[in-house]
Protein backbone atom coordinates (compact mmCIF):
# COMPACT_ATOMS: atom_id res chain seq x y z
CA MET A 1 -1.18 -47.89 -35.91
CA THR A 2 -4.94 -47.73 -35.31
CA GLN A 3 -5.96 -44.78 -33.16
CA LYS A 4 -7.86 -45.57 -29.98
CA LEU A 5 -11.39 -44.13 -29.98
CA PHE A 6 -12.06 -43.75 -26.25
CA THR A 7 -9.00 -41.74 -25.29
CA LYS A 8 -8.90 -39.90 -21.98
CA ASN A 9 -9.81 -36.61 -23.68
CA PHE A 10 -12.74 -38.10 -25.57
CA VAL A 11 -14.10 -39.90 -22.50
CA LEU A 12 -14.00 -36.62 -20.56
CA LEU A 13 -15.82 -34.89 -23.43
CA ILE A 14 -18.47 -37.63 -23.49
CA LEU A 15 -19.00 -37.47 -19.72
CA GLY A 16 -19.25 -33.69 -19.91
CA GLN A 17 -21.82 -33.89 -22.70
CA LEU A 18 -23.85 -36.44 -20.74
CA THR A 19 -24.13 -34.26 -17.64
CA SER A 20 -24.55 -31.02 -19.60
CA LEU A 21 -27.31 -32.32 -21.87
CA PHE A 22 -29.10 -34.01 -18.99
CA GLY A 23 -29.01 -30.74 -17.05
CA ASN A 24 -30.35 -28.88 -20.08
CA PHE A 25 -33.17 -31.34 -20.71
CA ILE A 26 -34.46 -31.48 -17.13
CA LEU A 27 -34.22 -27.68 -16.89
CA LYS A 28 -36.22 -27.07 -20.08
CA LEU A 29 -38.78 -29.70 -19.04
CA ALA A 30 -39.29 -28.17 -15.59
CA LEU A 31 -39.53 -24.64 -17.01
CA SER A 32 -42.09 -25.69 -19.61
CA MET A 33 -44.23 -27.47 -17.00
CA TYR A 34 -44.06 -24.47 -14.67
CA VAL A 35 -45.08 -22.00 -17.38
CA LEU A 36 -47.90 -24.30 -18.49
CA GLU A 37 -49.22 -24.54 -14.92
CA ALA A 38 -48.84 -20.81 -14.28
CA THR A 39 -50.45 -19.60 -17.52
CA GLY A 40 -52.51 -22.54 -18.75
CA SER A 41 -51.05 -21.95 -22.21
CA ALA A 42 -48.41 -24.04 -23.95
CA ALA A 43 -48.35 -21.42 -26.71
CA ILE A 44 -46.78 -18.88 -24.33
CA PHE A 45 -43.81 -21.14 -23.62
CA ALA A 46 -43.55 -21.96 -27.34
CA ARG A 47 -43.28 -18.23 -28.11
CA ILE A 48 -40.67 -17.77 -25.37
CA LEU A 49 -38.62 -20.63 -26.82
CA SER A 50 -38.94 -19.20 -30.34
CA ILE A 51 -37.65 -15.81 -29.15
CA ALA A 52 -34.84 -17.52 -27.24
CA THR A 53 -33.55 -19.29 -30.36
CA ILE A 54 -32.86 -15.99 -32.14
CA PRO A 55 -29.53 -15.29 -30.33
CA THR A 56 -28.30 -18.78 -31.22
CA VAL A 57 -29.05 -18.26 -34.91
CA VAL A 58 -27.51 -14.78 -35.00
CA LEU A 59 -24.45 -15.45 -32.83
CA SER A 60 -23.43 -18.95 -33.97
CA PRO A 61 -21.02 -17.61 -36.65
CA LEU A 62 -19.28 -15.55 -33.94
CA GLY A 63 -19.12 -18.70 -31.82
CA GLY A 64 -17.35 -20.44 -34.68
CA ILE A 65 -14.83 -17.60 -34.99
CA LEU A 66 -14.12 -17.75 -31.25
CA ALA A 67 -13.68 -21.54 -31.41
CA ASP A 68 -11.01 -21.09 -34.10
CA ARG A 69 -9.13 -18.30 -32.33
CA ALA A 70 -9.14 -19.27 -28.65
CA ASP A 71 -8.39 -22.27 -26.45
CA ARG A 72 -11.38 -24.56 -26.98
CA ARG A 73 -11.00 -26.31 -23.64
CA ASN A 74 -11.08 -22.97 -21.82
CA ILE A 75 -14.10 -21.85 -23.85
CA MET A 76 -16.07 -24.97 -22.85
CA VAL A 77 -15.11 -24.62 -19.18
CA ALA A 78 -16.05 -20.94 -19.14
CA LEU A 79 -19.35 -21.46 -20.96
CA ASP A 80 -20.54 -24.32 -18.73
CA GLY A 81 -19.43 -22.37 -15.67
CA LEU A 82 -21.38 -19.33 -16.89
CA THR A 83 -24.39 -21.52 -17.66
CA GLY A 84 -24.40 -22.98 -14.16
CA THR A 85 -23.96 -19.52 -12.64
CA SER A 86 -26.80 -18.07 -14.76
CA VAL A 87 -29.20 -20.82 -13.72
CA LEU A 88 -28.14 -20.43 -10.08
CA CYS A 89 -28.79 -16.67 -10.15
CA ALA A 90 -32.16 -17.22 -11.85
CA THR A 91 -33.09 -19.76 -9.18
CA LEU A 92 -32.22 -17.37 -6.37
CA LEU A 93 -34.15 -14.51 -8.01
CA LEU A 94 -37.20 -16.58 -8.95
CA SER A 95 -40.52 -15.79 -7.27
CA GLU A 96 -44.19 -16.03 -8.17
CA LYS A 97 -44.29 -12.36 -9.15
CA ASN A 98 -41.33 -12.36 -11.53
CA ALA A 99 -41.26 -16.00 -12.65
CA LEU A 100 -42.12 -15.48 -16.34
CA THR A 101 -39.68 -12.58 -16.70
CA VAL A 102 -36.84 -14.51 -15.03
CA ILE A 103 -37.52 -17.62 -17.12
CA CYS A 104 -37.60 -15.62 -20.35
CA VAL A 105 -34.32 -13.84 -19.55
CA LEU A 106 -32.70 -17.13 -18.51
CA LEU A 107 -33.66 -18.85 -21.76
CA VAL A 108 -32.24 -15.96 -23.78
CA ILE A 109 -28.96 -16.13 -21.81
CA LEU A 110 -28.77 -19.89 -22.33
CA SER A 111 -29.39 -19.35 -26.05
CA VAL A 112 -26.52 -16.86 -26.24
CA LEU A 113 -24.15 -19.23 -24.43
CA GLY A 114 -25.31 -22.14 -26.59
CA ALA A 115 -24.38 -20.20 -29.73
CA PHE A 116 -20.75 -20.31 -28.59
CA GLU A 117 -20.73 -23.78 -27.02
CA THR A 118 -22.17 -25.90 -29.85
CA PRO A 119 -19.53 -25.08 -32.52
CA THR A 120 -16.78 -25.38 -29.91
CA VAL A 121 -17.81 -28.91 -28.90
CA GLN A 122 -18.16 -29.93 -32.56
CA THR A 123 -14.66 -28.69 -33.35
CA CYS A 124 -13.16 -30.70 -30.48
CA ILE A 125 -14.06 -34.06 -32.02
CA PRO A 126 -11.82 -33.78 -35.14
CA THR A 127 -9.12 -32.29 -32.88
CA MET A 128 -9.20 -35.37 -30.63
CA LEU A 129 -9.83 -38.04 -33.29
CA GLN A 130 -8.80 -38.88 -36.84
CA GLY A 131 -10.13 -40.75 -39.87
CA ASP A 132 -13.10 -43.07 -39.35
CA ASN A 133 -12.91 -42.43 -35.60
CA ILE A 134 -14.33 -38.96 -36.27
CA MET A 135 -17.52 -40.59 -37.47
CA LYS A 136 -17.53 -43.04 -34.57
CA GLY A 137 -16.94 -40.14 -32.19
CA ASN A 138 -19.88 -38.17 -33.60
CA ALA A 139 -22.00 -41.30 -33.29
CA ALA A 140 -20.99 -41.68 -29.64
CA VAL A 141 -21.83 -38.04 -28.87
CA ASN A 142 -25.17 -38.48 -30.63
CA GLN A 143 -25.87 -41.59 -28.53
CA VAL A 144 -25.13 -39.64 -25.35
CA ALA A 145 -27.50 -36.87 -26.43
CA SER A 146 -30.23 -39.41 -27.19
CA LEU A 147 -29.65 -41.22 -23.89
CA SER A 148 -29.95 -37.93 -22.01
CA TYR A 149 -33.14 -37.14 -23.90
CA LEU A 150 -34.51 -40.57 -23.06
CA MET A 151 -33.72 -40.33 -19.33
CA ALA A 152 -34.46 -36.66 -18.69
CA PRO A 153 -38.26 -36.57 -19.28
CA MET A 154 -38.86 -39.43 -16.87
CA LEU A 155 -36.48 -38.31 -14.10
CA GLY A 156 -37.14 -34.61 -14.63
CA SER A 157 -40.91 -35.00 -14.39
CA ILE A 158 -40.55 -37.06 -11.19
CA LEU A 159 -38.22 -34.48 -9.63
CA TYR A 160 -40.56 -31.65 -10.60
CA ALA A 161 -43.67 -33.43 -9.31
CA VAL A 162 -42.06 -34.29 -5.97
CA PHE A 163 -39.87 -31.25 -5.26
CA GLY A 164 -41.06 -28.43 -7.54
CA LEU A 165 -39.20 -26.08 -9.90
CA LYS A 166 -36.34 -24.71 -7.79
CA PRO A 167 -34.84 -28.08 -6.73
CA VAL A 168 -34.80 -29.14 -10.39
CA MET A 169 -33.00 -25.91 -11.29
CA TYR A 170 -30.46 -26.54 -8.52
CA ALA A 171 -29.94 -30.06 -9.90
CA SER A 172 -29.26 -28.63 -13.37
CA VAL A 173 -26.77 -26.17 -11.82
CA GLY A 174 -24.91 -29.15 -10.36
CA CYS A 175 -24.87 -30.82 -13.79
CA PHE A 176 -23.32 -27.76 -15.47
CA PHE A 177 -20.64 -27.34 -12.81
CA ILE A 178 -19.78 -31.06 -13.00
CA THR A 179 -19.46 -30.67 -16.78
CA ALA A 180 -17.06 -27.76 -16.33
CA LEU A 181 -15.03 -29.90 -13.91
CA PHE A 182 -14.73 -32.74 -16.44
CA GLU A 183 -13.65 -30.27 -19.13
CA CYS A 184 -10.89 -28.84 -16.93
CA PHE A 185 -8.94 -32.08 -17.42
CA ILE A 186 -9.22 -32.15 -21.24
CA LYS A 187 -5.95 -31.44 -23.05
CA LEU A 188 -6.15 -30.30 -26.68
CA ASN A 189 -3.34 -29.62 -29.13
CA ASP A 190 -5.05 -26.59 -30.68
CA GLN A 191 -3.44 -24.53 -33.40
CA HIS A 192 -5.22 -21.20 -33.18
CA SER A 193 -5.41 -18.45 -35.76
CA GLN A 194 -3.35 -15.48 -34.68
CA ASN A 195 -5.24 -12.28 -33.87
CA LYS A 196 -4.07 -9.37 -36.02
CA GLY A 197 -5.58 -5.91 -35.75
CA SER A 198 -8.85 -4.81 -34.20
CA ILE A 199 -11.71 -7.18 -33.62
CA LEU A 200 -14.14 -6.04 -36.37
CA PRO A 201 -11.67 -6.48 -39.27
CA VAL A 202 -10.71 -9.88 -37.81
CA ILE A 203 -14.36 -10.98 -37.70
CA LYS A 204 -14.93 -9.73 -41.25
CA GLN A 205 -11.82 -11.50 -42.55
CA ASP A 206 -12.69 -14.76 -40.80
CA PHE A 207 -16.24 -14.66 -42.12
CA LEU A 208 -15.13 -13.97 -45.71
CA SER A 209 -12.37 -16.60 -45.67
CA SER A 210 -14.67 -19.32 -44.34
CA MET A 211 -17.44 -18.45 -46.80
CA GLN A 212 -14.95 -18.48 -49.67
CA TYR A 213 -13.72 -21.87 -48.55
CA ILE A 214 -17.13 -23.58 -48.56
CA LEU A 215 -18.59 -21.74 -51.57
CA LYS A 216 -15.56 -21.78 -53.91
CA GLU A 217 -12.78 -24.06 -52.68
CA GLN A 218 -14.87 -26.90 -51.17
CA THR A 219 -18.30 -26.63 -52.79
CA ASN A 220 -19.07 -30.19 -51.69
CA ILE A 221 -19.29 -28.91 -48.10
CA ALA A 222 -21.91 -26.32 -49.09
CA LYS A 223 -23.89 -28.98 -50.95
CA MET A 224 -23.70 -31.36 -48.00
CA LEU A 225 -24.98 -28.57 -45.76
CA LEU A 226 -27.94 -28.11 -48.11
CA TRP A 227 -28.75 -31.83 -48.10
CA THR A 228 -28.57 -31.88 -44.31
CA ALA A 229 -30.90 -28.87 -44.15
CA PHE A 230 -33.24 -30.54 -46.65
CA SER A 231 -33.55 -33.68 -44.53
CA ARG A 232 -34.06 -31.69 -41.33
CA PHE A 233 -36.71 -29.49 -42.94
CA PHE A 234 -39.00 -32.39 -43.76
CA VAL A 235 -38.25 -34.91 -41.03
CA MET A 236 -38.18 -32.53 -38.06
CA GLY A 237 -41.27 -30.69 -39.29
CA ILE A 238 -43.17 -33.96 -39.64
CA THR A 239 -41.90 -35.44 -36.37
CA ILE A 240 -42.06 -32.51 -33.96
CA VAL A 241 -45.39 -31.15 -35.18
CA GLY A 242 -47.01 -34.18 -36.79
CA LEU A 243 -46.47 -36.94 -34.25
CA PRO A 244 -48.16 -35.27 -31.24
CA PHE A 245 -50.96 -34.00 -33.50
CA ILE A 246 -51.59 -37.46 -34.97
CA VAL A 247 -51.45 -39.28 -31.62
CA ARG A 248 -53.48 -36.84 -29.51
CA THR A 249 -55.84 -35.14 -32.00
CA VAL A 250 -56.30 -37.44 -34.99
CA LEU A 251 -56.20 -40.79 -33.18
CA GLY A 252 -57.57 -39.43 -29.90
CA LEU A 253 -55.11 -41.38 -27.74
CA ASN A 254 -54.01 -40.25 -24.29
CA ALA A 255 -50.71 -38.77 -23.15
CA ARG A 256 -49.23 -42.17 -22.26
CA TYR A 257 -49.28 -43.16 -25.93
CA TYR A 258 -47.54 -39.94 -26.87
CA GLY A 259 -44.96 -40.44 -24.11
CA ALA A 260 -44.31 -43.96 -25.39
CA ALA A 261 -43.90 -42.58 -28.90
CA GLU A 262 -41.34 -40.00 -27.72
CA SER A 263 -39.37 -42.70 -25.91
CA ALA A 264 -39.47 -44.90 -29.02
CA LEU A 265 -38.07 -42.05 -31.13
CA ALA A 266 -35.26 -41.51 -28.62
CA ILE A 267 -34.41 -45.22 -28.77
CA ALA A 268 -34.52 -45.06 -32.58
CA THR A 269 -32.04 -42.19 -32.50
CA ILE A 270 -29.71 -44.23 -30.28
CA LEU A 271 -30.00 -47.21 -32.64
CA GLY A 272 -29.23 -44.95 -35.59
CA SER A 273 -26.15 -43.61 -33.81
CA ILE A 274 -24.95 -47.13 -33.00
CA ALA A 275 -25.50 -48.15 -36.62
CA ALA A 276 -23.54 -45.13 -37.85
CA GLY A 277 -20.62 -46.08 -35.60
CA LEU A 278 -20.66 -49.69 -36.82
CA LEU A 279 -20.94 -48.61 -40.47
CA ALA A 280 -18.22 -45.95 -40.26
CA GLU A 281 -15.70 -48.04 -42.22
CA LYS A 282 -18.20 -49.96 -44.36
CA LEU A 283 -20.90 -47.63 -45.67
CA LYS A 284 -20.08 -46.19 -49.08
CA ILE A 285 -20.76 -42.49 -49.57
CA HIS A 286 -23.10 -43.06 -52.51
CA ARG A 287 -25.41 -45.03 -50.22
CA LEU A 288 -26.25 -41.82 -48.36
CA ALA A 289 -28.71 -41.17 -51.18
CA ILE A 290 -30.42 -44.42 -50.21
CA LEU A 291 -30.72 -43.16 -46.62
CA LEU A 292 -32.35 -39.96 -47.85
CA THR A 293 -34.73 -41.96 -50.04
CA SER A 294 -35.62 -44.27 -47.16
CA MET A 295 -36.88 -41.27 -45.18
CA GLY A 296 -39.51 -40.74 -47.83
CA VAL A 297 -40.24 -44.45 -48.15
CA PHE A 298 -40.95 -44.74 -44.41
CA MET A 299 -43.35 -41.82 -44.60
CA ILE A 300 -45.61 -43.43 -47.21
CA PRO A 301 -47.01 -46.32 -45.08
CA ALA A 302 -47.60 -43.84 -42.24
CA GLY A 303 -49.93 -41.96 -44.58
CA THR A 304 -51.39 -45.01 -46.34
CA VAL A 305 -52.68 -46.52 -43.09
CA PHE A 306 -55.06 -43.54 -42.72
CA LEU A 307 -56.76 -44.63 -45.95
CA CYS A 308 -57.54 -48.02 -44.43
CA PRO A 309 -60.54 -48.84 -42.19
CA VAL A 310 -58.47 -50.15 -39.30
CA ASP A 311 -58.41 -49.60 -35.53
CA SER A 312 -56.70 -46.53 -34.04
CA ILE A 313 -54.13 -48.68 -32.25
CA ILE A 314 -53.09 -50.30 -35.54
CA LYS A 315 -52.73 -46.86 -37.10
CA TYR A 316 -50.70 -45.78 -34.07
CA VAL A 317 -48.33 -48.75 -34.31
CA ILE A 318 -47.74 -48.41 -38.06
CA THR A 319 -47.23 -44.66 -37.76
CA LEU A 320 -44.79 -45.11 -34.88
CA VAL A 321 -42.79 -47.79 -36.69
CA SER A 322 -42.61 -45.56 -39.78
CA PHE A 323 -41.47 -42.53 -37.77
CA CYS A 324 -38.85 -44.61 -35.94
CA GLY A 325 -37.50 -45.90 -39.25
CA MET A 326 -37.30 -42.33 -40.48
CA GLN A 327 -35.52 -41.29 -37.28
CA ILE A 328 -32.92 -44.05 -37.62
CA ALA A 329 -32.25 -43.02 -41.22
CA ILE A 330 -31.80 -39.32 -40.47
CA SER A 331 -29.56 -40.10 -37.46
CA ILE A 332 -27.19 -42.14 -39.64
CA PHE A 333 -27.26 -39.56 -42.45
CA SER A 334 -26.66 -36.59 -40.12
CA ILE A 335 -23.68 -38.26 -38.45
CA PHE A 336 -22.08 -39.13 -41.80
CA ALA A 337 -22.77 -35.62 -43.15
CA VAL A 338 -21.28 -33.83 -40.12
CA SER A 339 -18.26 -36.17 -40.11
CA PHE A 340 -17.68 -35.50 -43.83
CA ILE A 341 -17.74 -31.74 -43.21
CA GLN A 342 -15.34 -32.06 -40.27
CA GLN A 343 -12.90 -34.20 -42.25
CA LYS A 344 -12.91 -31.81 -45.22
CA THR A 345 -12.36 -28.66 -43.16
CA PRO A 346 -8.90 -27.53 -41.94
CA ASN A 347 -8.46 -26.92 -38.22
CA HIS A 348 -8.27 -23.12 -38.49
CA LEU A 349 -11.70 -22.98 -40.19
CA ILE A 350 -13.60 -25.84 -38.59
CA GLY A 351 -15.23 -23.78 -35.84
CA LYS A 352 -16.74 -21.36 -38.33
CA VAL A 353 -17.89 -24.07 -40.73
CA MET A 354 -19.53 -26.10 -37.95
CA ALA A 355 -21.23 -22.90 -36.76
CA TYR A 356 -22.75 -22.52 -40.23
CA THR A 357 -24.00 -26.10 -39.96
CA SER A 358 -25.76 -25.33 -36.67
CA THR A 359 -27.16 -22.03 -37.97
CA ILE A 360 -28.62 -23.53 -41.14
CA THR A 361 -30.17 -26.40 -39.19
CA LEU A 362 -31.69 -24.02 -36.65
CA CYS A 363 -33.12 -21.86 -39.43
CA VAL A 364 -34.80 -24.58 -41.48
CA GLN A 365 -36.36 -26.56 -38.62
CA PRO A 366 -38.77 -23.81 -37.46
CA ILE A 367 -39.76 -23.17 -41.08
CA GLY A 368 -40.58 -26.84 -41.52
CA GLN A 369 -42.52 -26.86 -38.26
CA VAL A 370 -44.58 -23.82 -39.27
CA LEU A 371 -45.32 -25.30 -42.70
CA TYR A 372 -46.41 -28.66 -41.34
CA GLY A 373 -48.34 -27.02 -38.52
CA PHE A 374 -50.42 -25.31 -41.22
CA LEU A 375 -50.73 -28.48 -43.32
CA PHE A 376 -51.80 -30.71 -40.43
CA ASP A 377 -54.41 -28.16 -39.37
CA ARG A 378 -55.65 -27.81 -42.95
CA PHE A 379 -55.86 -31.55 -43.60
CA SER A 380 -56.67 -32.82 -40.10
CA ASN A 381 -59.32 -35.17 -41.51
CA ARG A 382 -57.09 -36.30 -44.38
CA ILE A 383 -53.67 -36.79 -42.81
CA TYR A 384 -52.55 -38.94 -45.73
CA LEU A 385 -52.47 -35.77 -47.88
CA CYS A 386 -49.66 -34.49 -45.65
CA LEU A 387 -47.64 -37.68 -45.35
CA ILE A 388 -47.85 -39.49 -48.70
CA PRO A 389 -47.03 -36.48 -50.95
CA THR A 390 -44.15 -35.53 -48.61
CA GLY A 391 -42.78 -39.08 -48.85
CA ILE A 392 -42.94 -38.98 -52.64
CA ILE A 393 -41.29 -35.55 -52.78
CA ILE A 394 -38.44 -36.71 -50.51
CA CYS A 395 -37.88 -39.83 -52.64
CA ALA A 396 -37.84 -37.77 -55.85
CA ILE A 397 -35.42 -35.15 -54.52
CA ALA A 398 -33.19 -37.77 -52.85
CA THR A 399 -32.90 -39.65 -56.15
CA SER A 400 -31.43 -36.51 -57.72
CA ALA A 401 -28.65 -36.61 -55.09
CA ILE A 402 -27.23 -39.93 -56.31
CA GLY A 403 -24.87 -38.22 -58.77
CA PHE A 404 -23.55 -35.86 -56.09
CA PHE A 405 -22.74 -38.65 -53.62
CA ARG A 406 -21.13 -40.81 -56.34
CA LYS A 407 -18.92 -37.86 -57.28
CA ILE A 408 -17.79 -37.46 -53.64
CA GLU A 409 -17.03 -41.18 -53.43
CA LYS A 410 -14.89 -41.07 -56.60
CA GLU A 411 -12.94 -38.08 -55.24
CA GLN A 412 -12.30 -39.87 -51.95
CA ASN A 413 -11.14 -43.04 -53.70
CA PHE A 414 -8.84 -40.92 -55.91
CA ASN A 415 -7.30 -39.20 -52.87
CA LYS A 416 -6.75 -42.52 -51.10
CA THR A 417 -5.04 -43.96 -54.20
CA PHE A 418 -2.67 -41.07 -54.91
CA TYR A 419 -2.10 -39.61 -51.45
């Protein structure tokens, strides 16, 4: 019997993610605009955000351990409730004199809570769904995240411009409490690891057992994590740092063009998620290498156009189309990679393994952004020297992954035949 995708539990999870992510996006947008207006420096908010990501990186493994040892529904309810309460307290305490301090502390608190929430949500999907529906479920969650990202900048900026910072913060509080309400009605059949002994030996044992699993028993998971990190390193570095630099500085276009580009990337992410859901039962594993290669292929015309004597608008359009193609490819690849890891990991370890996925991704993205920030500054008059070589490098490295993905496909076909 084919399992239904949109079960009551999964619909509640989706609705909760929609309200939670929307609340997060409008909150971060309003805070960034406030800090920019108060200080006149975007770099200050960038530094605050960088500091705030440290707790997420450090604490994510502990979040994974908690997700494997406690009731995941209760964890999500508690975390969203605490998030809403934290934002509410920050809103009540906020004043012109202490604004930067309150905002900084709030972002650190949200980072700590996020370290525990992300692996918990990711472990719920394989608990609710099975088989190809896991991939379709990840695609649906990714679509919700992209939809929230698409809607939040427009609505959040309007709310901020009309009402100011505090009303936007109150709106985000409402979003988090609504999320917690949705999650109260989720019912999961969790099988938790039993706590034995004091907490430090338990943490040590959980950490060692999960690391042994992905490094010795299921090395394919570790390799898939590395390929996911590889794709994020290049694509996110190029997109987050390169796109605004190219549009505003190199091409000299105004903020409307950059806003349109951001919206186009959000739509591309949604399209990639939809494609991943449709291809869940059709796409062969070995074709993931083609997706990786296509990321590099899309990057080459974006660089080549800067060698041609054409109008800035033409360069903008070709660059945007190339970046959107790259975004679609990485969305499909990421969903397949995460779904593969979830399917290969037993329930008692999945929280920890998904926490490692989040941690590795969080670590490599800033490194890629710093590297490409340096490269774009260094070659601001020769952008093609950043884009074309990167495209070639991605294609070359992705080609070397063909053997790995073919091996995974053979193992899966073997398991289907004999089990």
